[in-house]
Every structure is written in C-alpha cells, then in structure tokens.
Protein backbone atom coordinates (compact mmCIF):
# COMPACT_ATOMS: atom_id res chain seq x y z
CA MET A 1 -63.03 -24.30 -70.29
CA SER A 2 -60.38 -24.77 -67.98
CA LEU A 3 -60.01 -23.01 -64.67
CA SER A 4 -56.77 -21.14 -66.36
CA GLY A 5 -58.18 -20.44 -68.94
CA LEU A 6 -61.71 -18.94 -67.28
CA VAL A 7 -59.01 -17.16 -64.80
CA LEU A 8 -57.03 -15.30 -68.00
CA VAL A 9 -60.60 -14.46 -69.23
CA MET A 10 -61.54 -12.96 -65.69
CA ALA A 11 -58.47 -10.90 -65.56
CA VAL A 12 -58.87 -9.37 -68.90
CA ALA A 13 -62.33 -8.33 -67.88
CA THR A 14 -61.36 -7.31 -64.66
CA GLY A 15 -58.25 -4.92 -66.66
CA ALA A 16 -61.10 -3.68 -69.21
CA SER A 17 -63.27 -2.76 -66.53
CA VAL A 18 -61.23 -1.14 -64.07
CA ALA A 19 -59.80 0.85 -66.80
CA ASN A 20 -62.50 3.45 -66.95
CA LEU A 21 -61.70 4.78 -63.40
CA TYR A 22 -58.29 5.87 -64.81
CA TYR A 23 -58.75 7.11 -68.29
CA ASN A 24 -59.03 10.54 -66.94
CA GLN A 25 -55.72 10.96 -65.35
CA PRO A 26 -53.69 11.53 -68.12
CA LEU A 27 -56.42 13.87 -69.64
CA LEU A 28 -56.64 16.29 -66.73
CA ALA A 29 -55.06 19.02 -68.35
CA LEU A 30 -56.98 18.45 -71.61
CA MET A 31 -60.59 18.66 -69.64
CA ALA A 32 -59.31 21.70 -67.61
CA ARG A 33 -59.05 23.46 -70.67
CA THR A 34 -62.27 22.11 -72.04
CA PHE A 35 -64.37 23.21 -69.11
CA HIS A 36 -62.33 26.38 -68.43
CA VAL A 37 -61.42 25.34 -64.79
CA GLY A 38 -57.99 24.99 -62.61
CA PRO A 39 -56.18 22.27 -61.51
CA ALA A 40 -58.12 21.96 -57.60
CA ALA A 41 -61.63 22.00 -59.48
CA ILE A 42 -60.32 19.31 -62.19
CA GLY A 43 -58.95 17.06 -59.49
CA VAL A 44 -62.48 16.62 -58.19
CA VAL A 45 -63.15 14.53 -61.29
CA THR A 46 -60.50 11.88 -60.08
CA MET A 47 -61.86 12.13 -56.73
CA LEU A 48 -65.55 11.58 -57.43
CA THR A 49 -64.90 8.84 -59.71
CA GLN A 50 -63.39 6.88 -56.87
CA ILE A 51 -66.35 8.01 -54.24
CA GLY A 52 -68.75 6.96 -57.14
CA TYR A 53 -67.01 3.65 -57.42
CA ALA A 54 -66.94 3.37 -53.55
CA THR A 55 -70.63 3.91 -53.46
CA GLY A 56 -71.37 1.11 -55.85
CA LEU A 57 -69.10 -1.29 -53.96
CA LEU A 58 -71.34 -0.49 -51.22
CA LEU A 59 -74.53 -0.73 -52.79
CA PHE A 60 -73.82 -3.01 -56.04
CA VAL A 61 -71.19 -5.97 -54.71
CA PRO A 62 -73.00 -7.17 -51.90
CA LEU A 63 -75.76 -8.41 -54.70
CA ALA A 64 -73.18 -11.26 -55.64
CA ASP A 65 -74.07 -12.53 -52.35
CA LEU A 66 -77.85 -12.67 -53.26
CA TRP A 67 -77.75 -12.69 -57.14
CA GLU A 68 -76.17 -15.13 -59.80
CA ARG A 69 -72.80 -13.38 -60.42
CA LYS A 70 -72.88 -14.11 -64.29
CA LYS A 71 -76.17 -12.11 -64.81
CA LEU A 72 -75.03 -9.18 -62.43
CA ILE A 73 -71.40 -8.87 -64.04
CA ALA A 74 -72.80 -8.36 -67.55
CA ALA A 75 -75.81 -6.10 -66.47
CA LEU A 76 -73.09 -4.09 -64.81
CA PHE A 77 -70.90 -3.95 -68.20
CA GLY A 78 -74.11 -2.67 -69.97
CA LEU A 79 -74.56 0.34 -67.65
CA THR A 80 -70.82 1.03 -67.71
CA ALA A 81 -71.39 1.25 -71.60
CA MET A 82 -74.53 3.81 -71.54
CA THR A 83 -72.44 5.91 -68.62
CA LEU A 84 -69.35 5.94 -70.60
CA GLU A 85 -71.24 7.32 -73.81
CA ILE A 86 -72.83 9.77 -71.60
CA VAL A 87 -69.66 11.45 -69.86
CA SER A 88 -68.26 12.02 -73.47
CA VAL A 89 -71.23 14.16 -74.70
CA LEU A 90 -71.67 16.49 -71.33
CA PRO A 91 -70.98 20.25 -72.18
CA GLN A 92 -71.47 21.40 -68.68
CA PHE A 93 -68.78 21.05 -65.80
CA SER A 94 -71.14 20.26 -63.10
CA ALA A 95 -73.15 17.36 -65.30
CA PHE A 96 -69.86 16.10 -66.12
CA LEU A 97 -68.87 15.81 -62.46
CA ILE A 98 -71.87 13.97 -61.39
CA ALA A 99 -71.67 11.81 -64.62
CA ASN A 100 -68.19 10.84 -63.75
CA PHE A 101 -69.74 9.96 -59.98
CA ALA A 102 -72.48 7.44 -61.61
CA LEU A 103 -69.34 6.07 -64.06
CA GLY A 104 -67.30 4.99 -60.70
CA ALA A 105 -70.85 3.60 -59.10
CA VAL A 106 -71.61 1.34 -62.01
CA THR A 107 -67.78 0.53 -62.85
CA VAL A 108 -67.83 -2.12 -60.21
CA VAL A 109 -67.19 -5.31 -62.31
CA PRO A 110 -63.36 -6.33 -61.04
CA GLN A 111 -64.85 -6.46 -57.20
CA VAL A 112 -67.94 -8.97 -58.46
CA ILE A 113 -65.34 -11.20 -60.36
CA VAL A 114 -62.70 -11.39 -57.70
CA PRO A 115 -64.70 -12.98 -54.86
CA VAL A 116 -65.87 -15.34 -58.05
CA ALA A 117 -62.42 -16.31 -58.85
CA ALA A 118 -61.72 -17.00 -54.83
CA ASP A 119 -64.58 -19.16 -55.12
CA LEU A 120 -63.21 -21.31 -58.14
CA ALA A 121 -59.97 -21.98 -56.79
CA PRO A 122 -58.87 -24.56 -54.18
CA ASP A 123 -58.05 -22.80 -50.92
CA SER A 124 -54.20 -23.91 -51.50
CA GLN A 125 -54.19 -21.78 -54.63
CA ARG A 126 -56.36 -18.87 -53.56
CA GLY A 127 -53.71 -16.41 -53.48
CA ARG A 128 -52.17 -16.94 -56.91
CA VAL A 129 -55.38 -17.26 -58.35
CA VAL A 130 -56.37 -13.84 -56.97
CA GLY A 131 -52.75 -12.65 -57.68
CA ILE A 132 -53.67 -13.34 -61.89
CA VAL A 133 -56.75 -11.79 -61.74
CA MET A 134 -55.25 -8.74 -59.80
CA SER A 135 -52.43 -8.27 -62.59
CA GLY A 136 -55.23 -8.08 -64.84
CA LEU A 137 -56.47 -5.36 -63.00
CA LEU A 138 -53.17 -3.57 -62.87
CA VAL A 139 -52.66 -4.06 -66.43
CA GLY A 140 -55.90 -2.36 -67.29
CA VAL A 141 -55.03 0.73 -65.32
CA LEU A 142 -51.72 0.78 -66.98
CA SER A 143 -53.21 0.59 -70.16
CA ALA A 144 -55.76 3.02 -69.47
CA ARG A 145 -53.36 5.61 -68.93
CA MET A 146 -51.10 5.11 -71.84
CA ILE A 147 -54.31 4.47 -74.22
CA SER A 148 -56.22 7.48 -73.15
CA GLY A 149 -53.31 9.94 -73.39
CA VAL A 150 -52.14 8.72 -76.83
CA ILE A 151 -56.09 9.07 -77.96
CA GLY A 152 -56.69 11.97 -76.22
CA ASP A 153 -53.85 13.74 -77.73
CA TRP A 154 -54.98 12.87 -81.32
CA LEU A 155 -58.60 12.67 -81.32
CA GLY A 156 -59.64 14.79 -77.65
CA TRP A 157 -60.62 13.24 -74.31
CA GLN A 158 -64.13 12.58 -75.63
CA ALA A 159 -63.37 9.95 -77.93
CA VAL A 160 -61.53 7.85 -75.25
CA TYR A 161 -64.78 7.54 -73.45
CA ARG A 162 -66.78 6.54 -76.27
CA PHE A 163 -64.57 3.93 -77.75
CA ALA A 164 -64.64 2.66 -73.86
CA GLY A 165 -68.38 2.36 -74.28
CA ILE A 166 -67.99 0.14 -77.47
CA LEU A 167 -65.62 -2.05 -75.37
CA MET A 168 -67.82 -2.36 -72.73
CA VAL A 169 -70.70 -4.08 -75.18
CA LEU A 170 -68.36 -6.67 -76.05
CA PHE A 171 -67.65 -7.45 -72.85
CA VAL A 172 -71.35 -8.08 -72.00
CA ILE A 173 -71.22 -10.69 -75.01
CA ILE A 174 -68.15 -12.23 -73.91
CA VAL A 175 -69.47 -12.70 -69.90
CA ILE A 176 -72.59 -13.97 -71.38
CA SER A 177 -70.91 -16.38 -73.53
CA ILE A 178 -68.15 -17.05 -71.32
CA PHE A 179 -68.86 -17.00 -67.89
CA PRO A 180 -70.18 -19.80 -66.01
CA ILE A 181 -72.88 -19.61 -63.55
CA SER A 182 -71.93 -18.85 -60.39
CA ARG A 183 -74.62 -18.86 -57.35
CA PRO A 184 -73.73 -17.56 -53.63
CA ARG A 185 -72.75 -20.04 -51.07
CA SER A 186 -74.59 -18.53 -48.00
CA ARG A 187 -78.54 -18.68 -47.79
CA PRO A 188 -80.55 -15.92 -49.38
CA LEU A 189 -80.94 -12.97 -48.01
CA SER A 190 -82.82 -10.16 -48.87
CA TYR A 191 -81.08 -6.94 -49.87
CA GLY A 192 -81.66 -5.07 -46.58
CA GLN A 193 -80.63 -7.79 -44.68
CA LEU A 194 -77.55 -7.91 -47.04
CA LEU A 195 -76.56 -4.35 -46.27
CA TYR A 196 -77.11 -4.19 -42.72
CA SER A 197 -74.86 -7.55 -42.42
CA LEU A 198 -72.16 -5.48 -43.41
CA GLY A 199 -72.25 -3.77 -39.56
CA PRO A 200 -71.85 -7.59 -37.64
CA ILE A 201 -69.07 -8.53 -40.00
CA ILE A 202 -67.24 -5.27 -39.27
CA ARG A 203 -67.85 -5.54 -35.80
CA SER A 204 -66.89 -9.45 -35.75
CA GLU A 205 -64.03 -9.18 -37.92
CA PRO A 206 -61.26 -6.62 -36.32
CA GLU A 207 -58.71 -7.71 -38.66
CA LEU A 208 -60.76 -7.01 -41.75
CA VAL A 209 -61.26 -3.62 -40.27
CA LYS A 210 -57.11 -3.27 -39.89
CA ALA A 211 -56.67 -4.44 -43.21
CA SER A 212 -59.19 -1.96 -45.01
CA LEU A 213 -57.31 1.03 -43.41
CA THR A 214 -53.97 -0.18 -44.34
CA GLY A 215 -54.94 -0.97 -47.88
CA GLY A 216 -57.12 2.45 -48.16
CA ALA A 217 -54.28 4.80 -46.90
CA LEU A 218 -51.64 2.98 -49.35
CA PHE A 219 -53.95 3.38 -52.07
CA GLY A 220 -54.11 7.21 -50.90
CA THR A 221 -50.53 7.62 -51.41
CA PHE A 222 -51.36 5.96 -54.93
CA SER A 223 -54.15 8.00 -55.91
CA ALA A 224 -52.48 11.29 -54.76
CA PHE A 225 -49.40 10.57 -57.05
CA TRP A 226 -51.19 9.66 -60.36
CA THR A 227 -54.03 12.71 -60.00
CA THR A 228 -51.21 15.65 -59.50
CA LEU A 229 -48.57 13.68 -62.00
CA THR A 230 -50.37 15.23 -64.85
CA PHE A 231 -50.06 18.45 -63.13
CA ARG A 232 -46.10 17.73 -62.38
CA LEU A 233 -45.44 16.51 -66.00
CA SER A 234 -47.16 19.24 -67.51
CA THR A 235 -45.06 22.25 -65.80
CA THR A 236 -41.41 22.81 -65.84
CA PRO A 237 -38.93 21.28 -66.35
CA TYR A 238 -40.92 18.85 -68.42
CA HIS A 239 -43.99 20.26 -70.29
CA TYR A 240 -45.08 16.83 -71.54
CA THR A 241 -48.26 16.20 -73.53
CA ALA A 242 -51.20 13.89 -72.18
CA SER A 243 -49.91 11.19 -74.58
CA VAL A 244 -46.23 11.44 -73.18
CA ILE A 245 -47.66 11.59 -69.11
CA GLY A 246 -49.86 8.45 -70.17
CA LEU A 247 -46.86 6.56 -71.11
CA PHE A 248 -45.60 6.83 -67.56
CA GLY A 249 -48.12 4.31 -66.55
CA LEU A 250 -46.29 1.78 -68.34
CA LEU A 251 -43.50 1.77 -65.43
CA GLY A 252 -46.37 0.21 -63.55
CA ILE A 253 -45.73 -3.34 -65.23
CA ALA A 254 -43.46 -4.06 -62.66
CA GLY A 255 -46.47 -3.82 -59.87
CA ALA A 256 -48.28 -6.27 -62.34
CA SER A 257 -45.68 -8.69 -62.27
CA VAL A 258 -45.02 -8.41 -58.69
CA ALA A 259 -48.81 -9.65 -58.01
CA PRO A 260 -48.94 -13.56 -58.68
CA ILE A 261 -45.61 -13.59 -56.65
CA ALA A 262 -47.44 -11.31 -53.47
CA GLY A 263 -50.00 -14.08 -53.87
CA ARG A 264 -47.79 -17.15 -53.93
CA LEU A 265 -46.21 -15.78 -50.81
CA ALA A 266 -49.56 -14.56 -49.20
CA ASP A 267 -50.28 -18.73 -49.61
CA LYS A 268 -47.15 -19.57 -48.24
CA ARG A 269 -46.64 -17.17 -45.02
CA ASP A 270 -48.69 -14.45 -42.86
CA PRO A 271 -49.39 -11.85 -45.53
CA ARG A 272 -48.35 -9.16 -43.32
CA VAL A 273 -45.04 -9.93 -43.78
CA THR A 274 -45.72 -8.86 -47.33
CA ILE A 275 -47.72 -6.02 -46.36
CA THR A 276 -44.75 -4.72 -44.01
CA VAL A 277 -42.40 -4.91 -47.26
CA ALA A 278 -45.08 -3.20 -48.98
CA ILE A 279 -45.18 -0.09 -46.75
CA VAL A 280 -41.68 0.38 -46.76
CA PHE A 281 -41.58 0.26 -50.71
CA VAL A 282 -44.19 3.17 -50.57
CA GLY A 283 -41.99 5.18 -47.75
CA MET A 284 -39.15 4.97 -50.14
CA ALA A 285 -40.83 5.87 -53.18
CA TRP A 286 -42.41 9.22 -51.67
CA LEU A 287 -38.74 9.98 -49.75
CA LEU A 288 -36.94 9.89 -53.34
CA MET A 289 -39.42 11.68 -55.19
CA TRP A 290 -40.02 14.56 -52.56
CA PRO A 291 -36.86 16.61 -53.17
CA LEU A 292 -36.10 15.41 -56.82
CA SER A 293 -39.26 15.22 -58.68
CA SER A 294 -37.77 17.64 -61.43
CA HIS A 295 -35.03 14.46 -61.77
CA LEU A 296 -36.69 12.33 -64.74
CA TRP A 297 -35.11 9.11 -63.02
CA ALA A 298 -35.94 9.73 -59.87
CA LEU A 299 -39.52 9.91 -60.63
CA ILE A 300 -39.15 6.69 -62.63
CA VAL A 301 -37.52 4.99 -60.10
CA GLY A 302 -40.15 6.34 -57.68
CA ILE A 303 -43.31 5.11 -59.85
CA ILE A 304 -41.66 1.92 -59.95
CA LEU A 305 -41.04 1.55 -56.35
CA LEU A 306 -45.07 2.84 -55.45
CA ASP A 307 -46.59 0.57 -57.75
CA LEU A 308 -44.72 -2.23 -56.34
CA GLY A 309 -45.71 -1.38 -52.70
CA VAL A 310 -49.45 -0.68 -53.47
CA GLN A 311 -49.95 -3.69 -55.41
CA ALA A 312 -48.37 -6.15 -53.01
CA GLY A 313 -50.10 -4.62 -50.52
CA GLN A 314 -53.45 -5.11 -52.20
CA ILE A 315 -52.85 -8.83 -53.17
CA SER A 316 -51.64 -9.64 -49.33
CA ASN A 317 -54.52 -7.56 -47.70
CA GLN A 318 -57.05 -9.34 -50.56
CA SER A 319 -55.87 -12.77 -49.29
CA ARG A 320 -55.84 -12.05 -45.87
CA ILE A 321 -59.57 -10.93 -45.63
CA TYR A 322 -60.78 -13.69 -47.98
CA ALA A 323 -59.85 -16.18 -45.31
CA LEU A 324 -62.00 -14.53 -43.04
CA ARG A 325 -65.41 -15.42 -43.73
CA PRO A 326 -65.93 -17.90 -46.78
CA ASP A 327 -69.55 -17.85 -46.91
CA ALA A 328 -69.49 -14.17 -47.24
CA ARG A 329 -66.41 -13.06 -49.26
CA ALA A 330 -68.67 -10.56 -51.53
CA ARG A 331 -69.74 -8.83 -48.21
CA VAL A 332 -66.08 -9.13 -46.97
CA ASN A 333 -64.82 -7.80 -50.06
CA THR A 334 -67.09 -4.85 -50.13
CA VAL A 335 -66.10 -3.71 -46.97
CA TYR A 336 -62.53 -3.58 -47.86
CA MET A 337 -62.69 -1.71 -51.20
CA VAL A 338 -65.29 0.72 -49.93
CA THR A 339 -62.71 1.69 -47.56
CA TYR A 340 -60.05 1.27 -50.38
CA PHE A 341 -61.26 3.66 -52.72
CA LEU A 342 -62.66 6.02 -49.95
CA GLY A 343 -58.59 6.17 -48.99
CA GLY A 344 -57.97 6.95 -52.91
CA SER A 345 -60.84 9.51 -53.02
CA ILE A 346 -59.33 11.40 -50.19
CA GLY A 347 -55.64 11.30 -51.56
CA SER A 348 -56.97 12.27 -54.77
CA GLY A 349 -58.95 15.25 -53.59
CA ILE A 350 -56.29 16.59 -50.73
CA ALA A 351 -53.88 16.29 -53.35
CA SER A 352 -55.22 18.39 -55.94
CA LEU A 353 -55.78 21.25 -53.35
CA ALA A 354 -52.21 20.51 -51.77
CA TRP A 355 -50.69 21.09 -55.51
CA ALA A 356 -53.06 24.05 -56.16
CA HIS A 357 -51.41 25.67 -52.88
CA ALA A 358 -48.28 24.42 -52.10
CA ARG A 359 -47.02 22.04 -55.15
CA TRP A 360 -45.05 18.90 -54.87
CA THR A 361 -44.38 19.50 -51.44
CA GLY A 362 -47.60 19.55 -50.29
CA VAL A 363 -48.62 16.57 -52.68
CA THR A 364 -45.81 14.77 -50.46
CA PHE A 365 -47.13 15.66 -47.33
CA THR A 366 -50.44 14.36 -48.29
CA ALA A 367 -49.08 11.15 -49.10
CA LEU A 368 -46.80 10.61 -46.39
CA GLY A 369 -50.03 11.53 -43.61
CA LEU A 370 -51.73 8.84 -45.57
CA LEU A 371 -48.89 6.26 -45.36
CA SER A 372 -48.52 7.12 -41.30
CA VAL A 373 -51.97 5.67 -41.18
CA ALA A 374 -50.94 2.54 -42.94
CA ILE A 375 -48.22 2.11 -40.53
CA ILE A 376 -50.18 2.78 -37.65
CA THR A 377 -53.10 0.32 -38.47
CA HIS A 378 -50.57 -2.21 -39.60
CA LEU A 379 -48.71 -1.98 -36.81
CA ALA A 380 -51.85 -2.91 -34.21
CA SER A 381 -52.44 -5.97 -36.39
CA LEU A 382 -48.87 -7.18 -35.82
CA ARG A 383 -49.37 -6.44 -32.26
CA GLN A 384 -52.36 -8.17 -31.85
CA LEU A 385 -51.71 -11.75 -33.37
CA PRO A 386 -48.67 -13.83 -33.72
CA LEU A 387 -46.94 -13.96 -37.37
CA ALA A 388 -48.28 -17.37 -38.80
CA LYS A 389 -48.95 -19.63 -41.95
CA SER A 390 -51.87 -17.69 -43.64
CA VAL A 391 -55.19 -19.94 -43.35
C-alpha cells in the first residue's frame, strides 16, 4: 500500500478509536436520567474518561518504543471492544464510572498511531502527514457526537456503546490485515526503564514542557465547553434533544479542515506562530459566547472559532515536539498527551461544578482561567528562543 493510502487508513482508525472518548457528551442528559443523578455528578463521566485516557497514555503508549506497534494497536482495539460492551450493561452508577475510566485507559490507539505515521513520513512532510491523521481524529470526534446523539434518542445510550464495540472488532481485523510491521527505533529497554526515562526527557526538554502545558490548557477550554454544552442546550431557551445536540459537533468540520493547513504551516515556519493564532481564536470564541450564549448564531460562530483554535494549536504543538527527540517519539508524545488530557479532565470537572453553581458564567470563567495558563506558558516559550523555521 502507498504511503498516502496507509496514512488515510491510519486517519480512519484514529477517528474510530478516539470517538469512544466523546460518545458520552451528547448523552449526558440521558445518562443522568438513567442513573438518577444531577449535572455535577454526570459530568464526572467525561472527567474520568479523560483521566483514564491520560493514565492509559502513561502506561500503554511508552510500549510503542518497546514493542512492535502493529500488535500493540490490534491488542488495544480488542481491549477497547470488550470495555465498550461492559459499559453498555452496567446498572450501578459507581461501576459505570469505573468502567468509563477503564474505557479511557484502553482507548489510546490514536497516540500509538500518530508517532508511527510521523516515523513513516519524510522530515519535510511530517507536519502534513500528522495533520492528515489528526484530521481523521477530529472527524472521529465530530462523528461521535452526531452519531451518539441520534442513536441515543432512538435506541438509548447503551446501544451507542454496543455498536462501538462491534466497530472496534472490525478494526482489529483491519489492523492485522493492512498495517505494516513497525518496530521502535531506539535500543531495547525494559518497561520500567521506559517509564523511568520519561523523567529525564521532561527535564532535558523544556520546550516539551511548555508545549504540553499550552496544549493541555487549550484542551481544557475545549472540554469545558463540550461537557457543559449538553446542559446549556437542554435548558432555556433551547430545550434540544440529544440528537440535535449531537449535530452541533458538525460545526467542528472547520477544525478538521484546518489541520492539514496548520501542519503545512508548521513545516514551513516556527509552529509557535500558529499557536499564537490558535490562542487568539480560542479567546475570541469565549468572549463571544459568554454574553451571547442564548443566541444560536453566537454559539455557532463560537464553536467554529474554538475548534479552529484548539485543532491548530494541537497540530502545531505536535509538529513542534516531534522534532525534539526522533529516537523517543512515543515517549515524547506520552508526556505531551498525558498533560493534554489531564488539562481536558480538569476543564470537564471544574466546568461541570461551575455549571451546577453559576451556570454559563461559571463555565466561561473556568475556560478563561485555563486560557490564561496557555497564554502564560506560550509567552514563556516565545521569550526563550527566537522565532525560526521549525527543524
């Protein structure tokens, strides 16, 4: 298979896997009714899924620098399929929360695939290839929200997870049949040595730390929005159903379309230029949606700006960190993505509490607080090194 065809398959696989993290967002109101809990409690579902994902990144993704990646990806798809089926049948809320944490932990296939794609690409095309794979990831996020909302309204939220489990089994077959054998570049290490090596990588790469904090804070604003949007759209003046709420995910197509463009810009210029633009877009989105959330047009424009900003920042940050340590890309990606999803879990958790106590104003202040962290860390990065073409 050609590189372009393989990258396309990787993009589809990435999207199908990451969708499992986002099925819950349009379904939160339905889940709350099933388990008889309020917004603050049901918001924990999203938070624990993201914390689980960060945990899985820490425990599983470093194995991509130790094991053959094709087998690792197939095994993770299989574990995800089993966990999805378990989530769909649990009757107790506490067990449901634990299962969602486990689901997040095993749904880390995208962050194994992305470094593999980066390894396959020539240096001059790395940003473009990563951008294509990340476009697949974002399309998966958008599709998850739309599909889960429609299926949830018609067949119940449990059916969403049952269908997703079947889809994961299909991808086990696809990976085994199509993906190439991909072995780590670096010399063999034990699993313990791999985990221990994360510390020296963090200490020796200050740009990785800054990129991780900036990315995590931006994703925190994104998660704060999408976790609480269900509550906002199910109350006055909207009163929308889960299927209608899920359709709002389609507005993120703008973010998916900008991913390859951001990747090409990151190849040609310093990625921090694009990150600066991304931060501005996210700030504009929240300053628009804060006073005007009861106006549909403002939410639509805000979602487009937010998705554009977060996606452009993500692609640029990943292009930036992959240039740091070619011999340890999976571990570098682990550090970045663990921080990224911890930021998302913080945004989801605090925003759910903020909604319960201060509604949309509380959510907005949560997002602006996280955005201020992104601004501070990004300014620190700009001060340390001159802007130059990315290596």
